Amino acid sequence: MALPKIVVRGKQVILLSGYCKNDDKGTGDVRRRGDRAVKVDAEDQLVLAAQRNPDAVAFGYVAGMWVASA
């Protein structure tokens, strides 16, 4: 699967890491991406990172926290 794009706080962002396409893995909530489900790790932390970095278009999950990447 290509890098998933999901909507966070009303804005579409790209997830570079911190997601999985298989529902058996990951610890977060399932987000629908077209016809596929994507499970996001620590989704509440992703929302906080998006608040801190409102201009970011990509996020990665590194060392247990979400980091704005682009």
Protein backbone atom coordinates (compact mmCIF):
# COMPACT_ATOMS: atom_id res chain seq x y z
CA MET A 1 0.00 0.00 0.00
CA ALA A 2 1.22 3.48 -0.79
CA LEU A 3 1.51 5.97 2.06
CA PRO A 4 -1.99 6.52 3.43
CA LYS A 5 -3.67 9.90 3.49
CA ILE A 6 -6.15 10.49 6.30
CA VAL A 7 -8.07 13.51 7.55
CA VAL A 8 -6.90 15.00 10.86
CA ARG A 9 -8.64 18.11 12.19
CA GLY A 10 -10.31 18.69 8.83
CA LYS A 11 -7.07 18.52 6.83
CA GLN A 12 -5.75 15.65 4.75
CA VAL A 13 -2.28 14.51 5.89
CA ILE A 14 0.13 11.77 4.84
CA LEU A 15 1.28 9.17 7.37
CA LEU A 16 4.91 8.16 6.84
CA SER A 17 4.89 5.62 9.68
CA GLY A 18 2.76 4.72 12.69
CA TYR A 19 0.05 2.90 10.77
CA CYS A 20 -0.67 -0.57 9.54
CA LYS A 21 -3.10 -1.94 7.01
CA ASN A 22 -3.78 -5.16 8.93
CA ASP A 23 -6.35 -4.82 11.75
CA ASP A 24 -4.42 -7.32 13.89
CA LYS A 25 -1.51 -4.92 14.43
CA GLY A 26 -1.26 -1.43 15.88
CA THR A 27 -2.84 0.08 18.94
CA GLY A 28 -4.97 2.92 17.60
CA ASP A 29 -8.32 3.40 15.95
CA VAL A 30 -9.21 2.21 12.49
CA ARG A 31 -9.54 4.94 9.88
CA ARG A 32 -11.12 4.34 6.49
CA ARG A 33 -9.01 5.19 3.48
CA GLY A 34 -11.10 4.64 0.39
CA ASP A 35 -11.76 0.91 0.36
CA ARG A 36 -9.01 0.02 2.86
CA ALA A 37 -8.82 0.34 6.61
CA VAL A 38 -5.73 1.87 8.23
CA LYS A 39 -5.00 1.46 11.91
CA VAL A 40 -3.24 4.50 13.42
CA ASP A 41 -0.97 4.22 16.46
CA ALA A 42 -1.64 6.74 19.27
CA GLU A 43 -4.23 8.70 17.31
CA ASP A 44 -4.80 11.15 20.18
CA GLN A 45 -1.11 12.10 20.04
CA LEU A 46 -1.41 12.58 16.28
CA VAL A 47 -4.22 15.08 16.80
CA LEU A 48 -2.06 16.99 19.32
CA ALA A 49 0.88 17.03 16.90
CA ALA A 50 -1.43 18.35 14.18
CA GLN A 51 -2.54 21.13 16.55
CA ARG A 52 1.07 22.08 17.29
CA ASN A 53 2.00 22.02 13.58
CA PRO A 54 -1.06 23.23 11.64
CA ASP A 55 0.87 23.68 8.37
CA ALA A 56 2.35 20.15 8.31
CA VAL A 57 1.22 17.85 5.51
CA ALA A 58 3.01 14.67 6.66
CA PHE A 59 3.60 13.01 10.03
CA GLY A 60 5.77 10.13 11.18
CA TYR A 61 5.60 8.08 14.37
CA VAL A 62 9.13 8.06 15.82
CA ALA A 63 10.26 6.87 19.26
CA GLY A 64 6.69 6.73 20.56
CA MET A 65 5.59 10.19 19.45
CA TRP A 66 4.22 11.84 16.32
CA VAL A 67 6.57 14.24 14.52
CA ALA A 68 5.68 16.68 11.74
CA SER A 69 7.79 15.74 8.73
CA ALA A 70 6.76 18.08 5.96
